[in-house]
PDB file of all heavy atoms in Angstrom:
ATOM      1  N   THR A   1       1.778 -11.990  11.118  1.00  0.00           N
ATOM      2  CA  THR A   1       0.603 -12.397  11.889  1.00  0.00           C
ATOM      3  C   THR A   1       0.954 -12.686  13.321  1.00  0.00           C
ATOM      4  O   THR A   1       2.076 -13.068  13.649  1.00  0.00           O
ATOM      5  CB  THR A   1      -0.035 -13.642  11.237  1.00  0.00           C
ATOM      6  OG1 THR A   1      -1.206 -14.002  11.973  1.00  0.00           O
ATOM      7  CG2 THR A   1       0.933 -14.816  11.254  1.00  0.00           C
ATOM      8  N   THR A   2      -0.033 -12.485  14.192  1.00  0.00           N
ATOM      9  CA  THR A   2       0.074 -12.908  15.599  1.00  0.00           C
ATOM     10  C   THR A   2      -0.783 -14.129  15.845  1.00  0.00           C
ATOM     11  O   THR A   2      -0.883 -14.610  16.967  1.00  0.00           O
ATOM     12  CB  THR A   2      -0.374 -11.785  16.540  1.00  0.00           C
ATOM     13  OG1 THR A   2      -1.723 -11.403  16.210  1.00  0.00           O
ATOM     14  CG2 THR A   2       0.528 -10.572  16.424  1.00  0.00           C
ATOM     15  N   GLY A   3      -1.444 -14.634  14.803  1.00  0.00           N
ATOM     16  CA  GLY A   3      -2.368 -15.742  14.952  1.00  0.00           C
ATOM     17  C   GLY A   3      -1.689 -17.099  14.756  1.00  0.00           C
ATOM     18  O   GLY A   3      -1.123 -17.363  13.694  1.00  0.00           O
ATOM     19  N   ALA A   4      -1.788 -17.954  15.769  1.00  0.00           N
ATOM     20  CA  ALA A   4      -1.183 -19.300  15.672  1.00  0.00           C
ATOM     21  C   ALA A   4      -1.797 -20.101  14.544  1.00  0.00           C
ATOM     22  O   ALA A   4      -1.101 -20.806  13.806  1.00  0.00           O
ATOM     23  CB  ALA A   4      -1.334 -20.031  16.987  1.00  0.00           C
ATOM     24  N   ALA A   5      -3.110 -19.992  14.370  1.00  0.00           N
ATOM     25  CA  ALA A   5      -3.794 -20.747  13.315  1.00  0.00           C
ATOM     26  C   ALA A   5      -3.318 -20.328  11.941  1.00  0.00           C
ATOM     27  O   ALA A   5      -3.110 -21.143  11.044  1.00  0.00           O
ATOM     28  CB  ALA A   5      -5.304 -20.595  13.450  1.00  0.00           C
ATOM     29  N   VAL A   6      -3.160 -19.010  11.741  1.00  0.00           N
ATOM     30  CA  VAL A   6      -2.705 -18.508  10.428  1.00  0.00           C
ATOM     31  C   VAL A   6      -1.264 -18.936  10.193  1.00  0.00           C
ATOM     32  O   VAL A   6      -0.893 -19.285   9.063  1.00  0.00           O
ATOM     33  CB  VAL A   6      -2.811 -16.961  10.385  1.00  0.00           C
ATOM     34  CG1 VAL A   6      -2.220 -16.425   9.084  1.00  0.00           C
ATOM     35  CG2 VAL A   6      -4.274 -16.541  10.492  1.00  0.00           C
ATOM     36  N   MET A   7      -0.438 -18.944  11.221  1.00  0.00           N
ATOM     37  CA  MET A   7       0.946 -19.400  11.071  1.00  0.00           C
ATOM     38  C   MET A   7       0.964 -20.861  10.597  1.00  0.00           C
ATOM     39  O   MET A   7       1.776 -21.223   9.728  1.00  0.00           O
ATOM     40  CB  MET A   7       1.691 -19.281  12.407  1.00  0.00           C
ATOM     41  CG  MET A   7       2.058 -17.858  12.792  1.00  0.00           C
ATOM     42  SD  MET A   7       2.782 -17.769  14.450  1.00  0.00           S
ATOM     43  CE  MET A   7       4.250 -18.770  14.222  1.00  0.00           C
ATOM     44  N   LYS A   8       0.123 -21.678  11.173  1.00  0.00           N
ATOM     45  CA  LYS A   8       0.077 -23.082  10.800  1.00  0.00           C
ATOM     46  C   LYS A   8      -0.375 -23.251   9.349  1.00  0.00           C
ATOM     47  O   LYS A   8       0.194 -24.025   8.580  1.00  0.00           O
ATOM     48  CB  LYS A   8      -0.856 -23.858  11.710  1.00  0.00           C
ATOM     49  CG  LYS A   8      -0.855 -25.371  11.462  1.00  0.00           C
ATOM     50  CD  LYS A   8      -1.696 -26.083  12.502  1.00  0.00           C
ATOM     51  CE  LYS A   8      -1.579 -27.599  12.309  1.00  0.00           C
ATOM     52  NZ  LYS A   8      -2.119 -28.054  11.019  1.00  0.00           N
ATOM     53  N   ILE A   9      -1.398 -22.500   8.947  1.00  0.00           N
ATOM     54  CA  ILE A   9      -1.880 -22.555   7.570  1.00  0.00           C
ATOM     55  C   ILE A   9      -0.784 -22.106   6.603  1.00  0.00           C
ATOM     56  O   ILE A   9      -0.560 -22.723   5.567  1.00  0.00           O
ATOM     57  CB  ILE A   9      -3.136 -21.658   7.402  1.00  0.00           C
ATOM     58  CG1 ILE A   9      -4.301 -22.235   8.201  1.00  0.00           C
ATOM     59  CG2 ILE A   9      -3.526 -21.571   5.922  1.00  0.00           C
ATOM     60  CD1 ILE A   9      -5.481 -21.286   8.307  1.00  0.00           C
ATOM     61  N   ASN A  10      -0.097 -21.007   6.939  1.00  0.00           N
ATOM     62  CA  ASN A  10       0.997 -20.531   6.093  1.00  0.00           C
ATOM     63  C   ASN A  10       2.078 -21.584   5.937  1.00  0.00           C
ATOM     64  O   ASN A  10       2.615 -21.805   4.839  1.00  0.00           O
ATOM     65  CB  ASN A  10       1.628 -19.262   6.702  1.00  0.00           C
ATOM     66  CG  ASN A  10       0.772 -18.031   6.506  1.00  0.00           C
ATOM     67  OD1 ASN A  10      -0.180 -18.044   5.735  1.00  0.00           O
ATOM     68  ND2 ASN A  10       1.098 -16.958   7.212  1.00  0.00           N
ATOM     69  N   SER A  11       2.392 -22.257   7.026  1.00  0.00           N
ATOM     70  CA  SER A  11       3.421 -23.294   6.992  1.00  0.00           C
ATOM     71  C   SER A  11       3.028 -24.419   6.046  1.00  0.00           C
ATOM     72  O   SER A  11       3.840 -24.938   5.268  1.00  0.00           O
ATOM     73  CB  SER A  11       3.655 -23.836   8.408  1.00  0.00           C
ATOM     74  OG  SER A  11       4.633 -24.847   8.386  1.00  0.00           O
ATOM     75  N   GLU A  12       1.764 -24.783   6.082  1.00  0.00           N
ATOM     76  CA  GLU A  12       1.265 -25.845   5.199  1.00  0.00           C
ATOM     77  C   GLU A  12       1.348 -25.459   3.729  1.00  0.00           C
ATOM     78  O   GLU A  12       1.500 -26.312   2.858  1.00  0.00           O
ATOM     79  CB  GLU A  12      -0.176 -26.185   5.570  1.00  0.00           C
ATOM     80  CG  GLU A  12      -0.309 -26.851   6.945  1.00  0.00           C
ATOM     81  CD  GLU A  12      -1.738 -26.911   7.426  1.00  0.00           C
ATOM     82  OE1 GLU A  12      -2.621 -26.323   6.755  1.00  0.00           O
ATOM     83  OE2 GLU A  12      -1.985 -27.534   8.486  1.00  0.00           O
ATOM     84  N   LEU A  13       1.272 -24.152   3.460  1.00  0.00           N
ATOM     85  CA  LEU A  13       1.342 -23.655   2.081  1.00  0.00           C
ATOM     86  C   LEU A  13       2.786 -23.503   1.593  1.00  0.00           C
ATOM     87  O   LEU A  13       3.003 -23.256   0.404  1.00  0.00           O
ATOM     88  CB  LEU A  13       0.627 -22.292   1.965  1.00  0.00           C
ATOM     89  CG  LEU A  13      -0.907 -22.338   2.089  1.00  0.00           C
ATOM     90  CD1 LEU A  13      -1.457 -20.918   2.204  1.00  0.00           C
ATOM     91  CD2 LEU A  13      -1.518 -23.058   0.903  1.00  0.00           C
ATOM     92  N   GLY A  14       3.751 -23.660   2.487  1.00  0.00           N
ATOM     93  CA  GLY A  14       5.159 -23.549   2.094  1.00  0.00           C
ATOM     94  C   GLY A  14       5.870 -22.317   2.566  1.00  0.00           C
ATOM     95  O   GLY A  14       7.034 -22.090   2.226  1.00  0.00           O
ATOM     96  N   TYR A  15       5.179 -21.483   3.355  1.00  0.00           N
ATOM     97  CA  TYR A  15       5.839 -20.317   3.973  1.00  0.00           C
ATOM     98  C   TYR A  15       6.860 -20.808   5.005  1.00  0.00           C
ATOM     99  O   TYR A  15       6.660 -21.862   5.627  1.00  0.00           O
ATOM    100  CB  TYR A  15       4.841 -19.445   4.713  1.00  0.00           C
ATOM    101  CG  TYR A  15       3.862 -18.646   3.899  1.00  0.00           C
ATOM    102  CD1 TYR A  15       2.847 -19.274   3.152  1.00  0.00           C
ATOM    103  CD2 TYR A  15       3.897 -17.254   3.908  1.00  0.00           C
ATOM    104  CE1 TYR A  15       1.913 -18.533   2.447  1.00  0.00           C
ATOM    105  CE2 TYR A  15       2.953 -16.503   3.209  1.00  0.00           C
ATOM    106  CZ  TYR A  15       1.958 -17.161   2.483  1.00  0.00           C
ATOM    107  OH  TYR A  15       1.050 -16.406   1.795  1.00  0.00           O
ATOM    108  N   ILE A  16       7.894 -20.034   5.219  1.00  0.00           N
ATOM    109  CA  ILE A  16       8.840 -20.296   6.284  1.00  0.00           C
ATOM    110  C   ILE A  16       9.020 -19.049   7.139  1.00  0.00           C
ATOM    111  O   ILE A  16       8.867 -17.925   6.644  1.00  0.00           O
ATOM    112  CB  ILE A  16      10.213 -20.739   5.747  1.00  0.00           C
ATOM    113  CG1 ILE A  16      10.799 -19.658   4.829  1.00  0.00           C
ATOM    114  CG2 ILE A  16      10.119 -22.093   5.039  1.00  0.00           C
ATOM    115  CD1 ILE A  16      12.232 -19.934   4.383  1.00  0.00           C
ATOM    116  N   PRO A  17       9.305 -19.197   8.435  1.00  0.00           N
ATOM    117  CA  PRO A  17       9.549 -18.013   9.299  1.00  0.00           C
ATOM    118  C   PRO A  17      10.825 -17.309   8.843  1.00  0.00           C
ATOM    119  O   PRO A  17      11.833 -17.973   8.543  1.00  0.00           O
ATOM    120  CB  PRO A  17       9.744 -18.631  10.679  1.00  0.00           C
ATOM    121  CG  PRO A  17       9.152 -20.004  10.586  1.00  0.00           C
ATOM    122  CD  PRO A  17       9.377 -20.448   9.179  1.00  0.00           C
ATOM    123  N   VAL A  18      10.782 -16.010   8.779  1.00  0.00           N
ATOM    124  CA  VAL A  18      11.939 -15.225   8.356  1.00  0.00           C
ATOM    125  C   VAL A  18      12.070 -13.984   9.231  1.00  0.00           C
ATOM    126  O   VAL A  18      11.195 -13.680  10.037  1.00  0.00           O
ATOM    127  CB  VAL A  18      11.828 -14.768   6.879  1.00  0.00           C
ATOM    128  CG1 VAL A  18      11.844 -15.952   5.931  1.00  0.00           C
ATOM    129  CG2 VAL A  18      10.556 -13.933   6.668  1.00  0.00           C
ATOM    130  N   SER A  19      13.177 -13.308   9.106  1.00  0.00           N
ATOM    131  CA  SER A  19      13.360 -12.045   9.829  1.00  0.00           C
ATOM    132  C   SER A  19      12.659 -10.929   9.068  1.00  0.00           C
ATOM    133  O   SER A  19      12.347 -11.060   7.870  1.00  0.00           O
ATOM    134  CB  SER A  19      14.854 -11.733   9.970  1.00  0.00           C
ATOM    135  OG  SER A  19      15.417 -11.433   8.701  1.00  0.00           O
ATOM    136  N   TYR A  20      12.391  -9.832   9.738  1.00  0.00           N
ATOM    137  CA  TYR A  20      11.712  -8.704   9.093  1.00  0.00           C
ATOM    138  C   TYR A  20      12.528  -8.145   7.928  1.00  0.00           C
ATOM    139  O   TYR A  20      11.965  -7.565   6.996  1.00  0.00           O
ATOM    140  CB  TYR A  20      11.443  -7.601  10.121  1.00  0.00           C
ATOM    141  CG  TYR A  20      10.227  -7.840  10.994  1.00  0.00           C
ATOM    142  CD1 TYR A  20       9.842  -9.127  11.387  1.00  0.00           C
ATOM    143  CD2 TYR A  20       9.455  -6.770  11.442  1.00  0.00           C
ATOM    144  CE1 TYR A  20       8.740  -9.345  12.191  1.00  0.00           C
ATOM    145  CE2 TYR A  20       8.334  -6.974  12.254  1.00  0.00           C
ATOM    146  CZ  TYR A  20       8.002  -8.268  12.623  1.00  0.00           C
ATOM    147  OH  TYR A  20       6.893  -8.465  13.415  1.00  0.00           O
ATOM    148  N   SER A  21      13.851  -8.293   8.003  1.00  0.00           N
ATOM    149  CA  SER A  21      14.704  -7.769   6.938  1.00  0.00           C
ATOM    150  C   SER A  21      14.508  -8.510   5.622  1.00  0.00           C
ATOM    151  O   SER A  21      14.917  -8.029   4.560  1.00  0.00           O
ATOM    152  CB  SER A  21      16.167  -7.854   7.368  1.00  0.00           C
ATOM    153  OG  SER A  21      16.560  -9.191   7.616  1.00  0.00           O
ATOM    154  N   ASP A  22      13.871  -9.688   5.665  1.00  0.00           N
ATOM    155  CA  ASP A  22      13.592 -10.446   4.464  1.00  0.00           C
ATOM    156  C   ASP A  22      12.325  -9.999   3.746  1.00  0.00           C
ATOM    157  O   ASP A  22      12.010 -10.474   2.669  1.00  0.00           O
ATOM    158  CB  ASP A  22      13.468 -11.944   4.779  1.00  0.00           C
ATOM    159  CG  ASP A  22      14.784 -12.552   5.189  1.00  0.00           C
ATOM    160  OD1 ASP A  22      15.812 -12.301   4.532  1.00  0.00           O
ATOM    161  OD2 ASP A  22      14.820 -13.287   6.210  1.00  0.00           O
ATOM    162  N   LEU A  23      11.585  -9.093   4.378  1.00  0.00           N
ATOM    163  CA  LEU A  23      10.331  -8.624   3.810  1.00  0.00           C
ATOM    164  C   LEU A  23      10.584  -7.356   2.971  1.00  0.00           C
ATOM    165  O   LEU A  23      11.697  -6.848   2.893  1.00  0.00           O
ATOM    166  CB  LEU A  23       9.329  -8.299   4.926  1.00  0.00           C
ATOM    167  CG  LEU A  23       9.083  -9.430   5.939  1.00  0.00           C
ATOM    168  CD1 LEU A  23       8.022  -8.982   6.951  1.00  0.00           C
ATOM    169  CD2 LEU A  23       8.648 -10.706   5.245  1.00  0.00           C
ATOM    170  N   THR A  24       9.531  -6.864   2.370  1.00  0.00           N
ATOM    171  CA  THR A  24       9.651  -5.675   1.540  1.00  0.00           C
ATOM    172  C   THR A  24      10.139  -4.478   2.360  1.00  0.00           C
ATOM    173  O   THR A  24       9.805  -4.329   3.536  1.00  0.00           O
ATOM    174  CB  THR A  24       8.301  -5.316   0.899  1.00  0.00           C
ATOM    175  OG1 THR A  24       8.434  -4.131   0.100  1.00  0.00           O
ATOM    176  CG2 THR A  24       7.221  -5.080   1.926  1.00  0.00           C
ATOM    177  N   ASP A  25      10.929  -3.612   1.709  1.00  0.00           N
ATOM    178  CA  ASP A  25      11.358  -2.365   2.358  1.00  0.00           C
ATOM    179  C   ASP A  25      10.489  -1.191   1.883  1.00  0.00           C
ATOM    180  O   ASP A  25      10.837  -0.031   2.128  1.00  0.00           O
ATOM    181  CB  ASP A  25      12.840  -2.094   2.086  1.00  0.00           C
ATOM    182  CG  ASP A  25      13.151  -1.968   0.605  1.00  0.00           C
ATOM    183  OD1 ASP A  25      12.208  -2.079  -0.234  1.00  0.00           O
ATOM    184  OD2 ASP A  25      14.324  -1.771   0.249  1.00  0.00           O
ATOM    185  N   ASP A  26       9.403  -1.496   1.211  1.00  0.00           N
ATOM    186  CA  ASP A  26       8.488  -0.472   0.740  1.00  0.00           C
ATOM    187  C   ASP A  26       7.868   0.267   1.936  1.00  0.00           C
ATOM    188  O   ASP A  26       7.148  -0.317   2.730  1.00  0.00           O
ATOM    189  CB  ASP A  26       7.390  -1.129  -0.098  1.00  0.00           C
ATOM    190  CG  ASP A  26       6.554  -0.126  -0.883  1.00  0.00           C
ATOM    191  OD1 ASP A  26       6.282   0.967  -0.354  1.00  0.00           O
ATOM    192  OD2 ASP A  26       6.160  -0.417  -2.035  1.00  0.00           O
ATOM    193  N   ASN A  27       8.138   1.540   2.052  1.00  0.00           N
ATOM    194  CA  ASN A  27       7.663   2.321   3.188  1.00  0.00           C
ATOM    195  C   ASN A  27       6.140   2.359   3.267  1.00  0.00           C
ATOM    196  O   ASN A  27       5.562   2.501   4.374  1.00  0.00           O
ATOM    197  CB  ASN A  27       8.226   3.748   3.139  1.00  0.00           C
ATOM    198  CG  ASN A  27       9.690   3.795   3.489  1.00  0.00           C
ATOM    199  OD1 ASN A  27      10.158   3.036   4.362  1.00  0.00           O
ATOM    200  ND2 ASN A  27      10.429   4.686   2.842  1.00  0.00           N
ATOM    201  N   GLU A  28       5.483   2.281   2.126  1.00  0.00           N
ATOM    202  CA  GLU A  28       4.021   2.327   2.128  1.00  0.00           C
ATOM    203  C   GLU A  28       3.439   1.139   2.888  1.00  0.00           C
ATOM    204  O   GLU A  28       2.408   1.248   3.531  1.00  0.00           O
ATOM    205  CB  GLU A  28       3.492   2.369   0.690  1.00  0.00           C
ATOM    206  CG  GLU A  28       3.730   3.691  -0.025  1.00  0.00           C
ATOM    207  CD  GLU A  28       3.115   4.857   0.736  1.00  0.00           C
ATOM    208  OE1 GLU A  28       1.912   4.787   1.119  1.00  0.00           O
ATOM    209  OE2 GLU A  28       3.830   5.849   0.984  1.00  0.00           O
ATOM    210  N   PHE A  29       4.140  -0.021   2.775  1.00  0.00           N
ATOM    211  CA  PHE A  29       3.638  -1.183   3.523  1.00  0.00           C
ATOM    212  C   PHE A  29       3.768  -0.923   5.025  1.00  0.00           C
ATOM    213  O   PHE A  29       2.845  -1.168   5.785  1.00  0.00           O
ATOM    214  CB  PHE A  29       4.439  -2.433   3.134  1.00  0.00           C
ATOM    215  CG  PHE A  29       4.187  -3.609   4.066  1.00  0.00           C
ATOM    216  CD1 PHE A  29       2.999  -4.332   3.990  1.00  0.00           C
ATOM    217  CD2 PHE A  29       5.104  -3.939   5.080  1.00  0.00           C
ATOM    218  CE1 PHE A  29       2.738  -5.378   4.868  1.00  0.00           C
ATOM    219  CE2 PHE A  29       4.850  -4.969   5.946  1.00  0.00           C
ATOM    220  CZ  PHE A  29       3.660  -5.698   5.841  1.00  0.00           C
ATOM    221  N   TRP A  30       4.928  -0.482   5.446  1.00  0.00           N
ATOM    222  CA  TRP A  30       5.181  -0.307   6.873  1.00  0.00           C
ATOM    223  C   TRP A  30       4.344   0.823   7.469  1.00  0.00           C
ATOM    224  O   TRP A  30       4.052   0.800   8.664  1.00  0.00           O
ATOM    225  CB  TRP A  30       6.670  -0.087   7.104  1.00  0.00           C
ATOM    226  CG  TRP A  30       7.461  -1.307   6.761  1.00  0.00           C
ATOM    227  CD1 TRP A  30       8.209  -1.494   5.628  1.00  0.00           C
ATOM    228  CD2 TRP A  30       7.548  -2.533   7.502  1.00  0.00           C
ATOM    229  NE1 TRP A  30       8.762  -2.762   5.619  1.00  0.00           N
ATOM    230  CE2 TRP A  30       8.369  -3.411   6.771  1.00  0.00           C
ATOM    231  CE3 TRP A  30       7.009  -2.947   8.721  1.00  0.00           C
ATOM    232  CZ2 TRP A  30       8.653  -4.705   7.218  1.00  0.00           C
ATOM    233  CZ3 TRP A  30       7.294  -4.238   9.173  1.00  0.00           C
ATOM    234  CH2 TRP A  30       8.110  -5.097   8.426  1.00  0.00           C
ATOM    235  N   LYS A  31       3.945   1.784   6.637  1.00  0.00           N
ATOM    236  CA  LYS A  31       3.065   2.837   7.139  1.00  0.00           C
ATOM    237  C   LYS A  31       1.750   2.243   7.633  1.00  0.00           C
ATOM    238  O   LYS A  31       1.098   2.783   8.530  1.00  0.00           O
ATOM    239  CB  LYS A  31       2.812   3.872   6.059  1.00  0.00           C
ATOM    240  CG  LYS A  31       3.943   4.848   5.816  1.00  0.00           C
ATOM    241  CD  LYS A  31       3.557   5.842   4.728  1.00  0.00           C
ATOM    242  CE  LYS A  31       4.708   6.812   4.448  1.00  0.00           C
ATOM    243  NZ  LYS A  31       4.338   7.775   3.357  1.00  0.00           N
ATOM    244  N   GLY A  32       1.365   1.138   7.012  1.00  0.00           N
ATOM    245  CA  GLY A  32       0.104   0.503   7.382  1.00  0.00           C
ATOM    246  C   GLY A  32       0.088   0.006   8.811  1.00  0.00           C
ATOM    247  O   GLY A  32      -0.962  -0.191   9.405  1.00  0.00           O
ATOM    248  N   CYS A  33       1.286  -0.206   9.382  1.00  0.00           N
ATOM    249  CA  CYS A  33       1.374  -0.674  10.776  1.00  0.00           C
ATOM    250  C   CYS A  33       1.073   0.413  11.784  1.00  0.00           C
ATOM    251  O   CYS A  33       0.936   0.132  12.989  1.00  0.00           O
ATOM    252  CB  CYS A  33       2.753  -1.260  11.050  1.00  0.00           C
ATOM    253  SG  CYS A  33       3.130  -2.777  10.112  1.00  0.00           S
ATOM    254  N   GLN A  34       0.965   1.640  11.339  1.00  0.00           N
ATOM    255  CA  GLN A  34       0.767   2.763  12.248  1.00  0.00           C
ATOM    256  C   GLN A  34      -0.538   2.659  13.020  1.00  0.00           C
ATOM    257  O   GLN A  34      -0.681   3.218  14.116  1.00  0.00           O
ATOM    258  CB  GLN A  34       0.830   4.089  11.494  1.00  0.00           C
ATOM    259  CG  GLN A  34       2.217   4.421  10.978  1.00  0.00           C
ATOM    260  CD  GLN A  34       2.254   5.719  10.192  1.00  0.00           C
ATOM    261  OE1 GLN A  34       1.232   6.362   9.985  1.00  0.00           O
ATOM    262  NE2 GLN A  34       3.430   6.089   9.693  1.00  0.00           N
ATOM    263  N   SER A  35      -1.516   1.947  12.457  1.00  0.00           N
ATOM    264  CA  SER A  35      -2.812   1.810  13.133  1.00  0.00           C
ATOM    265  C   SER A  35      -2.814   0.684  14.172  1.00  0.00           C
ATOM    266  O   SER A  35      -3.808   0.488  14.867  1.00  0.00           O
ATOM    267  CB  SER A  35      -3.933   1.564  12.113  1.00  0.00           C
ATOM    268  OG  SER A  35      -3.701   0.364  11.400  1.00  0.00           O
ATOM    269  N   CYS A  36      -1.708  -0.053  14.266  1.00  0.00           N
ATOM    270  CA  CYS A  36      -1.599  -1.143  15.229  1.00  0.00           C
ATOM    271  C   CYS A  36      -1.217  -0.613  16.588  1.00  0.00           C
ATOM    272  O   CYS A  36      -0.379   0.294  16.710  1.00  0.00           O
ATOM    273  CB  CYS A  36      -0.574  -2.164  14.752  1.00  0.00           C
ATOM    274  SG  CYS A  36      -0.304  -3.553  15.899  1.00  0.00           S
ATOM    275  N   VAL A  37      -1.779  -1.189  17.650  1.00  0.00           N
ATOM    276  CA  VAL A  37      -1.481  -0.735  19.004  1.00  0.00           C
ATOM    277  C   VAL A  37      -0.031  -1.013  19.404  1.00  0.00           C
ATOM    278  O   VAL A  37       0.473  -0.421  20.365  1.00  0.00           O
ATOM    279  CB  VAL A  37      -2.420  -1.412  20.035  1.00  0.00           C
ATOM    280  CG1 VAL A  37      -3.843  -0.985  19.797  1.00  0.00           C
ATOM    281  CG2 VAL A  37      -2.283  -2.930  19.996  1.00  0.00           C
ATOM    282  N   ASN A  38       0.622  -1.877  18.644  1.00  0.00           N
ATOM    283  CA  ASN A  38       2.023  -2.224  18.958  1.00  0.00           C
ATOM    284  C   ASN A  38       3.032  -1.488  18.070  1.00  0.00           C
ATOM    285  O   ASN A  38       4.190  -1.874  18.022  1.00  0.00           O
ATOM    286  CB  ASN A  38       2.223  -3.727  18.839  1.00  0.00           C
ATOM    287  CG  ASN A  38       1.347  -4.510  19.801  1.00  0.00           C
ATOM    288  OD1 ASN A  38       1.304  -4.223  20.972  1.00  0.00           O
ATOM    289  ND2 ASN A  38       0.603  -5.457  19.263  1.00  0.00           N
TER     290      ASN A  38
END
């Protein structure tokens, strides 16, 4: 997320900041980022 409010909510739920390497390596997930301007 790029949203500060969502980051805060996630933190309250027990999420912690991690590196991208800690996320899924499923290519189908990352393909979804192709529609992002970044």
